[in-house]
Amino acid sequence: MPRSSARRSAPFEPMKPKMILFDYGQTLVVEPQFDARRGYGAVYDRTDGGKVSRARFADFADAMFLQLAVKAHAAYHEIDDVRFLRSVCAYCDMQSRISFEDADLLYWDTATDGSHASPHAAEMLAALDAHGIRTGIVSNLCFAKTNLEKRLARYLPEHRFELVAASSELLFRKPEPFIFNYALHRARLTAAEVWFVGDNPTADIYGAANVGMRPILYTGAHMRDFDEPLQVTHTRIEDLAELIRLVDEA
């Protein structure tokens, strides 16, 4: 594993974690730029077409989702994409030839064509398991939890996540404390016993810190500048393999 470049904004009390929770997208799995219209086009192709064209359906669905997301996300609430697709198809008088849960996965897969596991993610997870450290997922996403589990199995087939929490099933989005506390409750652990790794400063770093977890900002999947200081004690890593050194040092 490569030498660590982790840096801390302030010292932490040395404490080996009993569990490390991860964000999903751009943390454990790299998803290319999201192409919603391509995804909606794939969903349209599995319907009877109703009385609207493929392009018009994609435009309408994309505009409606963005309109809903602005309102929901401002309150840290999540949209259920399965229900959204069902509603949009009904509005357009379209009959789907597949279940809407399958349509949800089809949309996600098509919109993020080219997704792959983050570098060293599989090796890092195997090393954590060898250290006896439990792992889990806490993710902001509109897609069904069952479809998140399918993608985790696809890109990280050897994973041993004992907990997968998705905002689509819990209503609340990070940084809302509820979703973090839900994970702690399910794991039967205190916040001090858990680290959280994610790529989003607001959702992941501030969110985890606010409930007492040790936050770790992963910057390896992004091209954007992360040099702006965060007003919270945290650790930054550029490679997921660096987590093993941090665990050994704790």
C-alpha atoms as a PDB file:
ATOM      1  CA  MET A   1       0.000   0.000   0.000  1.00  0.00           C
ATOM      2  CA  PRO A   2       1.301   3.517  -0.737  1.00  0.00           C
ATOM      3  CA  ARG A   3       2.831   5.722   1.898  1.00  0.00           C
ATOM      4  CA  SER A   4       0.226   7.863   3.656  1.00  0.00           C
ATOM      5  CA  SER A   5      -0.213  11.571   2.954  1.00  0.00           C
ATOM      6  CA  ALA A   6      -2.896  12.008   5.618  1.00  0.00           C
ATOM      7  CA  ARG A   7      -2.933  15.334   7.419  1.00  0.00           C
ATOM      8  CA  ARG A   8      -4.924  16.476  10.392  1.00  0.00           C
ATOM      9  CA  SER A   9      -6.394  19.843  11.223  1.00  0.00           C
ATOM     10  CA  ALA A  10      -5.918  19.124  14.945  1.00  0.00           C
ATOM     11  CA  PRO A  11      -4.784  16.131  17.018  1.00  0.00           C
ATOM     12  CA  PHE A  12      -7.223  13.383  17.956  1.00  0.00           C
ATOM     13  CA  GLU A  13      -7.251  11.257  21.048  1.00  0.00           C
ATOM     14  CA  PRO A  14      -5.715   7.929  19.970  1.00  0.00           C
ATOM     15  CA  MET A  15      -8.562   5.441  19.783  1.00  0.00           C
ATOM     16  CA  LYS A  16      -8.784   2.524  17.415  1.00  0.00           C
ATOM     17  CA  PRO A  17     -12.233   2.433  15.808  1.00  0.00           C
ATOM     18  CA  LYS A  18     -14.580  -0.468  16.329  1.00  0.00           C
ATOM     19  CA  MET A  19     -16.301   0.432  13.071  1.00  0.00           C
ATOM     20  CA  ILE A  20     -15.675   2.644  10.049  1.00  0.00           C
ATOM     21  CA  LEU A  21     -18.647   3.941   8.086  1.00  0.00           C
ATOM     22  CA  PHE A  22     -18.263   5.063   4.490  1.00  0.00           C
ATOM     23  CA  ASP A  23     -20.085   7.248   2.047  1.00  0.00           C
ATOM     24  CA  TYR A  24     -20.777   5.461  -1.246  1.00  0.00           C
ATOM     25  CA  GLY A  25     -20.453   7.657  -4.354  1.00  0.00           C
ATOM     26  CA  GLN A  26     -17.044   9.250  -5.020  1.00  0.00           C
ATOM     27  CA  THR A  27     -15.747   7.523  -1.893  1.00  0.00           C
ATOM     28  CA  LEU A  28     -15.889   3.743  -2.344  1.00  0.00           C
ATOM     29  CA  VAL A  29     -17.209   3.840  -5.900  1.00  0.00           C
ATOM     30  CA  VAL A  30     -16.301   6.419  -8.528  1.00  0.00           C
ATOM     31  CA  GLU A  31     -19.309   7.445 -10.609  1.00  0.00           C
ATOM     32  CA  PRO A  32     -18.627   9.490 -13.765  1.00  0.00           C
ATOM     33  CA  GLN A  33     -20.527  12.677 -14.435  1.00  0.00           C
ATOM     34  CA  PHE A  34     -24.215  11.902 -14.028  1.00  0.00           C
ATOM     35  CA  ASP A  35     -26.231  11.897 -17.280  1.00  0.00           C
ATOM     36  CA  ALA A  36     -29.852  11.979 -16.128  1.00  0.00           C
ATOM     37  CA  ARG A  37     -31.362  12.320 -19.600  1.00  0.00           C
ATOM     38  CA  ARG A  38     -29.520   9.228 -20.807  1.00  0.00           C
ATOM     39  CA  GLY A  39     -30.847   7.357 -17.781  1.00  0.00           C
ATOM     40  CA  TYR A  40     -34.428   8.463 -18.359  1.00  0.00           C
ATOM     41  CA  GLY A  41     -34.112   7.464 -21.997  1.00  0.00           C
ATOM     42  CA  ALA A  42     -33.228   3.930 -20.929  1.00  0.00           C
ATOM     43  CA  VAL A  43     -36.288   3.830 -18.660  1.00  0.00           C
ATOM     44  CA  TYR A  44     -38.476   5.056 -21.534  1.00  0.00           C
ATOM     45  CA  ASP A  45     -37.211   2.215 -23.721  1.00  0.00           C
ATOM     46  CA  ARG A  46     -38.679  -0.283 -21.222  1.00  0.00           C
ATOM     47  CA  THR A  47     -42.186   1.242 -21.421  1.00  0.00           C
ATOM     48  CA  ASP A  48     -44.938   1.251 -24.018  1.00  0.00           C
ATOM     49  CA  GLY A  49     -44.065   4.870 -24.780  1.00  0.00           C
ATOM     50  CA  GLY A  50     -47.466   6.277 -23.942  1.00  0.00           C
ATOM     51  CA  LYS A  51     -48.134   9.362 -26.044  1.00  0.00           C
ATOM     52  CA  VAL A  52     -44.837  11.182 -25.470  1.00  0.00           C
ATOM     53  CA  SER A  53     -41.533  10.992 -27.292  1.00  0.00           C
ATOM     54  CA  ARG A  54     -38.367   9.641 -25.712  1.00  0.00           C
ATOM     55  CA  ALA A  55     -36.745  13.079 -25.655  1.00  0.00           C
ATOM     56  CA  ARG A  56     -39.797  14.771 -24.180  1.00  0.00           C
ATOM     57  CA  PHE A  57     -40.093  12.164 -21.434  1.00  0.00           C
ATOM     58  CA  ALA A  58     -36.416  12.577 -20.526  1.00  0.00           C
ATOM     59  CA  ASP A  59     -36.741  16.368 -20.453  1.00  0.00           C
ATOM     60  CA  PHE A  60     -39.907  16.249 -18.359  1.00  0.00           C
ATOM     61  CA  ALA A  61     -38.590  13.724 -15.840  1.00  0.00           C
ATOM     62  CA  ASP A  62     -35.292  15.564 -15.453  1.00  0.00           C
ATOM     63  CA  ALA A  63     -36.998  18.922 -14.903  1.00  0.00           C
ATOM     64  CA  MET A  64     -39.484  17.486 -12.411  1.00  0.00           C
ATOM     65  CA  PHE A  65     -36.793  15.725 -10.391  1.00  0.00           C
ATOM     66  CA  LEU A  66     -34.645  18.842 -10.186  1.00  0.00           C
ATOM     67  CA  GLN A  67     -37.654  20.873  -9.084  1.00  0.00           C
ATOM     68  CA  LEU A  68     -38.434  18.393  -6.316  1.00  0.00           C
ATOM     69  CA  ALA A  69     -34.798  18.000  -5.284  1.00  0.00           C
ATOM     70  CA  VAL A  70     -34.288  21.720  -4.704  1.00  0.00           C
ATOM     71  CA  LYS A  71     -37.130  21.762  -2.196  1.00  0.00           C
ATOM     72  CA  ALA A  72     -36.409  18.416  -0.544  1.00  0.00           C
ATOM     73  CA  HIS A  73     -32.652  18.780  -0.222  1.00  0.00           C
ATOM     74  CA  ALA A  74     -32.954  22.249   1.279  1.00  0.00           C
ATOM     75  CA  ALA A  75     -34.686  20.567   4.227  1.00  0.00           C
ATOM     76  CA  TYR A  76     -32.256  17.593   4.185  1.00  0.00           C
ATOM     77  CA  HIS A  77     -35.062  15.326   2.990  1.00  0.00           C
ATOM     78  CA  GLU A  78     -34.689  12.672   0.313  1.00  0.00           C
ATOM     79  CA  ILE A  79     -36.677  11.746  -2.791  1.00  0.00           C
ATOM     80  CA  ASP A  80     -37.600   8.101  -3.382  1.00  0.00           C
ATOM     81  CA  ASP A  81     -36.678   7.503  -7.025  1.00  0.00           C
ATOM     82  CA  VAL A  82     -38.792   4.335  -7.302  1.00  0.00           C
ATOM     83  CA  ARG A  83     -41.919   6.278  -6.393  1.00  0.00           C
ATOM     84  CA  PHE A  84     -40.798   9.198  -8.549  1.00  0.00           C
ATOM     85  CA  LEU A  85     -40.443   7.020 -11.657  1.00  0.00           C
ATOM     86  CA  ARG A  86     -43.812   5.412 -10.994  1.00  0.00           C
ATOM     87  CA  SER A  87     -45.449   8.847 -10.687  1.00  0.00           C
ATOM     88  CA  VAL A  88     -43.808  10.297 -13.791  1.00  0.00           C
ATOM     89  CA  CYS A  89     -44.756   7.297 -15.926  1.00  0.00           C
ATOM     90  CA  ALA A  90     -48.335   7.460 -14.653  1.00  0.00           C
ATOM     91  CA  TYR A  91     -48.501  11.181 -15.429  1.00  0.00           C
ATOM     92  CA  CYS A  92     -47.332  10.450 -18.984  1.00  0.00           C
ATOM     93  CA  ASP A  93     -49.830   7.548 -19.361  1.00  0.00           C
ATOM     94  CA  MET A  94     -46.953   5.110 -19.826  1.00  0.00           C
ATOM     95  CA  GLN A  95     -46.872   1.458 -18.784  1.00  0.00           C
ATOM     96  CA  SER A  96     -43.517   0.055 -17.708  1.00  0.00           C
ATOM     97  CA  ARG A  97     -42.566  -3.439 -18.851  1.00  0.00           C
ATOM     98  CA  ILE A  98     -40.274  -3.887 -15.842  1.00  0.00           C
ATOM     99  CA  SER A  99     -40.772  -3.222 -12.142  1.00  0.00           C
ATOM    100  CA  PHE A 100     -40.068   0.311 -11.003  1.00  0.00           C
ATOM    101  CA  GLU A 101     -37.351  -0.977  -8.685  1.00  0.00           C
ATOM    102  CA  ASP A 102     -35.668  -2.487 -11.753  1.00  0.00           C
ATOM    103  CA  ALA A 103     -36.268   0.771 -13.628  1.00  0.00           C
ATOM    104  CA  ASP A 104     -34.574   2.619 -10.765  1.00  0.00           C
ATOM    105  CA  LEU A 105     -31.458   0.458 -11.141  1.00  0.00           C
ATOM    106  CA  LEU A 106     -31.543   0.725 -14.940  1.00  0.00           C
ATOM    107  CA  TYR A 107     -31.703   4.510 -14.679  1.00  0.00           C
ATOM    108  CA  TRP A 108     -28.824   4.606 -12.184  1.00  0.00           C
ATOM    109  CA  ASP A 109     -26.628   2.216 -14.170  1.00  0.00           C
ATOM    110  CA  THR A 110     -27.212   4.044 -17.444  1.00  0.00           C
ATOM    111  CA  ALA A 111     -26.763   7.538 -16.019  1.00  0.00           C
ATOM    112  CA  THR A 112     -23.442   6.537 -14.422  1.00  0.00           C
ATOM    113  CA  ASP A 113     -22.041   4.307 -17.154  1.00  0.00           C
ATOM    114  CA  GLY A 114     -18.365   3.626 -16.471  1.00  0.00           C
ATOM    115  CA  SER A 115     -18.608   3.473 -12.669  1.00  0.00           C
ATOM    116  CA  HIS A 116     -15.879   1.525 -10.893  1.00  0.00           C
ATOM    117  CA  ALA A 117     -14.500   0.855  -7.433  1.00  0.00           C
ATOM    118  CA  SER A 118     -12.220   3.564  -6.070  1.00  0.00           C
ATOM    119  CA  PRO A 119      -8.498   2.742  -6.167  1.00  0.00           C
ATOM    120  CA  HIS A 120      -7.440   0.455  -3.304  1.00  0.00           C
ATOM    121  CA  ALA A 121     -11.006   0.280  -1.945  1.00  0.00           C
ATOM    122  CA  ALA A 122     -11.164  -3.520  -2.051  1.00  0.00           C
ATOM    123  CA  GLU A 123      -7.708  -3.957  -0.512  1.00  0.00           C
ATOM    124  CA  MET A 124      -8.479  -1.436   2.208  1.00  0.00           C
ATOM    125  CA  LEU A 125     -11.751  -3.155   3.138  1.00  0.00           C
ATOM    126  CA  ALA A 126     -10.021  -6.538   3.276  1.00  0.00           C
ATOM    127  CA  ALA A 127      -7.350  -5.091   5.574  1.00  0.00           C
ATOM    128  CA  LEU A 128      -9.960  -3.572   7.886  1.00  0.00           C
ATOM    129  CA  ASP A 129     -11.701  -6.926   8.080  1.00  0.00           C
ATOM    130  CA  ALA A 130      -8.379  -8.573   8.957  1.00  0.00           C
ATOM    131  CA  HIS A 131      -7.971  -5.985  11.734  1.00  0.00           C
ATOM    132  CA  GLY A 132     -11.396  -6.951  13.090  1.00  0.00           C
ATOM    133  CA  ILE A 133     -12.888  -3.550  12.279  1.00  0.00           C
ATOM    134  CA  ARG A 134     -16.536  -3.550  11.255  1.00  0.00           C
ATOM    135  CA  THR A 135     -17.642  -1.578   8.195  1.00  0.00           C
ATOM    136  CA  GLY A 136     -20.845  -0.075   6.848  1.00  0.00           C
ATOM    137  CA  ILE A 137     -22.345   2.432   4.429  1.00  0.00           C
ATOM    138  CA  VAL A 138     -24.274   5.652   5.079  1.00  0.00           C
ATOM    139  CA  SER A 139     -25.196   7.266   1.769  1.00  0.00           C
ATOM    140  CA  ASN A 140     -27.214  10.174   0.452  1.00  0.00           C
ATOM    141  CA  LEU A 141     -29.014   8.885  -2.609  1.00  0.00           C
ATOM    142  CA  CYS A 142     -32.504   8.713  -4.047  1.00  0.00           C
ATOM    143  CA  PHE A 143     -32.102   5.159  -5.342  1.00  0.00           C
ATOM    144  CA  ALA A 144     -33.514   2.107  -3.590  1.00  0.00           C
ATOM    145  CA  LYS A 145     -31.396   0.603  -0.831  1.00  0.00           C
ATOM    146  CA  THR A 146     -31.707  -2.798  -2.528  1.00  0.00           C
ATOM    147  CA  ASN A 147     -30.171  -1.315  -5.673  1.00  0.00           C
ATOM    148  CA  LEU A 148     -27.363   0.258  -3.667  1.00  0.00           C
ATOM    149  CA  GLU A 149     -26.655  -3.200  -2.258  1.00  0.00           C
ATOM    150  CA  LYS A 150     -26.587  -4.631  -5.801  1.00  0.00           C
ATOM    151  CA  ARG A 151     -24.050  -2.046  -6.932  1.00  0.00           C
ATOM    152  CA  LEU A 152     -21.892  -2.628  -3.859  1.00  0.00           C
ATOM    153  CA  ALA A 153     -21.911  -6.357  -4.647  1.00  0.00           C
ATOM    154  CA  ARG A 154     -20.990  -5.582  -8.258  1.00  0.00           C
ATOM    155  CA  TYR A 155     -18.077  -3.226  -7.619  1.00  0.00           C
ATOM    156  CA  LEU A 156     -16.843  -4.567  -4.256  1.00  0.00           C
ATOM    157  CA  PRO A 157     -17.905  -8.227  -4.328  1.00  0.00           C
ATOM    158  CA  GLU A 158     -15.772  -9.244  -1.332  1.00  0.00           C
ATOM    159  CA  HIS A 159     -17.128  -6.553   0.995  1.00  0.00           C
ATOM    160  CA  ARG A 160     -18.471  -7.412   4.437  1.00  0.00           C
ATOM    161  CA  PHE A 161     -20.608  -4.375   5.171  1.00  0.00           C
ATOM    162  CA  GLU A 162     -22.877  -5.242   8.063  1.00  0.00           C
ATOM    163  CA  LEU A 163     -24.874  -2.043   7.745  1.00  0.00           C
ATOM    164  CA  VAL A 164     -26.159  -0.207   4.665  1.00  0.00           C
ATOM    165  CA  ALA A 165     -28.158   2.951   5.367  1.00  0.00           C
ATOM    166  CA  ALA A 166     -29.574   4.977   2.470  1.00  0.00           C
ATOM    167  CA  SER A 167     -31.342   8.311   2.735  1.00  0.00           C
ATOM    168  CA  SER A 168     -33.955   7.002   0.283  1.00  0.00           C
ATOM    169  CA  GLU A 169     -35.274   4.632   2.952  1.00  0.00           C
ATOM    170  CA  LEU A 170     -34.727   6.908   5.961  1.00  0.00           C
ATOM    171  CA  LEU A 171     -36.142  10.161   4.515  1.00  0.00           C
ATOM    172  CA  PHE A 172     -33.323  12.269   5.992  1.00  0.00           C
ATOM    173  CA  ARG A 173     -30.096  13.218   4.200  1.00  0.00           C
ATOM    174  CA  LYS A 174     -26.674  13.868   5.635  1.00  0.00           C
ATOM    175  CA  PRO A 175     -25.696  16.124   7.427  1.00  0.00           C
ATOM    176  CA  GLU A 176     -28.996  15.638   9.293  1.00  0.00           C
ATOM    177  CA  PRO A 177     -27.959  13.901  12.563  1.00  0.00           C
ATOM    178  CA  PHE A 178     -30.763  11.330  12.329  1.00  0.00           C
ATOM    179  CA  ILE A 179     -29.104   9.251   9.612  1.00  0.00           C
ATOM    180  CA  PHE A 180     -25.792   9.083  11.516  1.00  0.00           C
ATOM    181  CA  ASN A 181     -27.510   8.276  14.804  1.00  0.00           C
ATOM    182  CA  TYR A 182     -29.579   5.621  13.053  1.00  0.00           C
ATOM    183  CA  ALA A 183     -26.366   3.911  11.960  1.00  0.00           C
ATOM    184  CA  LEU A 184     -24.917   4.125  15.477  1.00  0.00           C
ATOM    185  CA  HIS A 185     -28.103   2.665  16.923  1.00  0.00           C
ATOM    186  CA  ARG A 186     -28.068  -0.231  14.452  1.00  0.00           C
ATOM    187  CA  ALA A 187     -24.390  -0.902  15.162  1.00  0.00           C
ATOM    188  CA  ARG A 188     -24.880  -0.641  18.937  1.00  0.00           C
ATOM    189  CA  LEU A 189     -21.867   1.669  19.181  1.00  0.00           C
ATOM    190  CA  THR A 190     -21.152   5.158  20.461  1.00  0.00           C
ATOM    191  CA  ALA A 191     -19.991   7.928  18.141  1.00  0.00           C
ATOM    192  CA  ALA A 192     -16.543   7.900  19.765  1.00  0.00           C
ATOM    193  CA  GLU A 193     -16.089   4.302  18.605  1.00  0.00           C
ATOM    194  CA  VAL A 194     -16.784   5.071  14.933  1.00  0.00           C
ATOM    195  CA  TRP A 195     -14.916   6.834  12.130  1.00  0.00           C
ATOM    196  CA  PHE A 196     -16.671   8.213   9.063  1.00  0.00           C
ATOM    197  CA  VAL A 197     -15.056   8.482   5.623  1.00  0.00           C
ATOM    198  CA  GLY A 198     -16.599  10.587   2.862  1.00  0.00           C
ATOM    199  CA  ASP A 199     -15.891  13.049   0.072  1.00  0.00           C
ATOM    200  CA  ASN A 200     -18.398  15.803   0.854  1.00  0.00           C
ATOM    201  CA  PRO A 201     -17.271  18.412   3.407  1.00  0.00           C
ATOM    202  CA  THR A 202     -20.790  19.437   4.385  1.00  0.00           C
ATOM    203  CA  ALA A 203     -22.663  16.138   4.314  1.00  0.00           C
ATOM    204  CA  ASP A 204     -19.888  13.840   5.489  1.00  0.00           C
ATOM    205  CA  ILE A 205     -17.350  15.836   7.476  1.00  0.00           C
ATOM    206  CA  TYR A 206     -19.530  18.351   9.289  1.00  0.00           C
ATOM    207  CA  GLY A 207     -22.310  15.790   9.585  1.00  0.00           C
ATOM    208  CA  ALA A 208     -20.111  13.140  11.198  1.00  0.00           C
ATOM    209  CA  ALA A 209     -18.323  15.629  13.440  1.00  0.00           C
ATOM    210  CA  ASN A 210     -21.603  17.045  14.702  1.00  0.00           C
ATOM    211  CA  VAL A 211     -22.605  13.673  16.163  1.00  0.00           C
ATOM    212  CA  GLY A 212     -19.152  12.950  17.582  1.00  0.00           C
ATOM    213  CA  MET A 213     -17.641  10.597  15.002  1.00  0.00           C
ATOM    214  CA  ARG A 214     -14.098  11.095  13.770  1.00  0.00           C
ATOM    215  CA  PRO A 215     -14.474  12.530  10.232  1.00  0.00           C
ATOM    216  CA  ILE A 216     -12.063  11.648   7.435  1.00  0.00           C
ATOM    217  CA  LEU A 217     -12.242  13.563   4.152  1.00  0.00           C
ATOM    218  CA  TYR A 218     -11.322  11.470   1.108  1.00  0.00           C
ATOM    219  CA  THR A 219     -10.189  13.629  -1.804  1.00  0.00           C
ATOM    220  CA  GLY A 220      -8.941  10.984  -4.231  1.00  0.00           C
ATOM    221  CA  ALA A 221     -12.020  10.820  -6.466  1.00  0.00           C
ATOM    222  CA  HIS A 222     -12.275  14.569  -7.064  1.00  0.00           C
ATOM    223  CA  MET A 223     -10.585  17.097  -9.292  1.00  0.00           C
ATOM    224  CA  ARG A 224     -11.939  20.045  -7.308  1.00  0.00           C
ATOM    225  CA  ASP A 225      -9.856  22.087  -4.881  1.00  0.00           C
ATOM    226  CA  PHE A 226     -10.087  20.985  -1.255  1.00  0.00           C
ATOM    227  CA  ASP A 227      -7.643  23.567   0.097  1.00  0.00           C
ATOM    228  CA  GLU A 228     -10.292  25.714   1.746  1.00  0.00           C
ATOM    229  CA  PRO A 229     -10.086  25.168   5.509  1.00  0.00           C
ATOM    230  CA  LEU A 230     -12.909  23.363   7.262  1.00  0.00           C
ATOM    231  CA  GLN A 231     -14.021  24.671  10.628  1.00  0.00           C
ATOM    232  CA  VAL A 232     -13.968  21.243  12.220  1.00  0.00           C
ATOM    233  CA  THR A 233     -11.225  18.873  13.317  1.00  0.00           C
ATOM    234  CA  HIS A 234     -10.766  16.240  10.636  1.00  0.00           C
ATOM    235  CA  THR A 235      -8.297  14.069   8.740  1.00  0.00           C
ATOM    236  CA  ARG A 236      -7.673  14.276   4.985  1.00  0.00           C
ATOM    237  CA  ILE A 237      -6.531  11.372   2.847  1.00  0.00           C
ATOM    238  CA  GLU A 238      -5.871  11.135  -0.879  1.00  0.00           C
ATOM    239  CA  ASP A 239      -5.808   7.330  -1.029  1.00  0.00           C
ATOM    240  CA  LEU A 240      -8.126   4.907   0.745  1.00  0.00           C
ATOM    241  CA  ALA A 241      -5.111   2.736   1.583  1.00  0.00           C
ATOM    242  CA  GLU A 242      -4.037   5.455   4.020  1.00  0.00           C
ATOM    243  CA  LEU A 243      -6.807   4.368   6.372  1.00  0.00           C
ATOM    244  CA  ILE A 244      -4.808   1.318   7.399  1.00  0.00           C
ATOM    245  CA  ARG A 245      -1.922   3.444   8.646  1.00  0.00           C
ATOM    246  CA  LEU A 246      -4.354   5.637  10.551  1.00  0.00           C
ATOM    247  CA  VAL A 247      -5.851   2.557  12.197  1.00  0.00           C
ATOM    248  CA  ASP A 248      -2.401   1.254  13.110  1.00  0.00           C
ATOM    249  CA  GLU A 249      -1.474   4.619  14.639  1.00  0.00           C
ATOM    250  CA  ALA A 250      -4.645   4.908  16.720  1.00  0.00           C
END
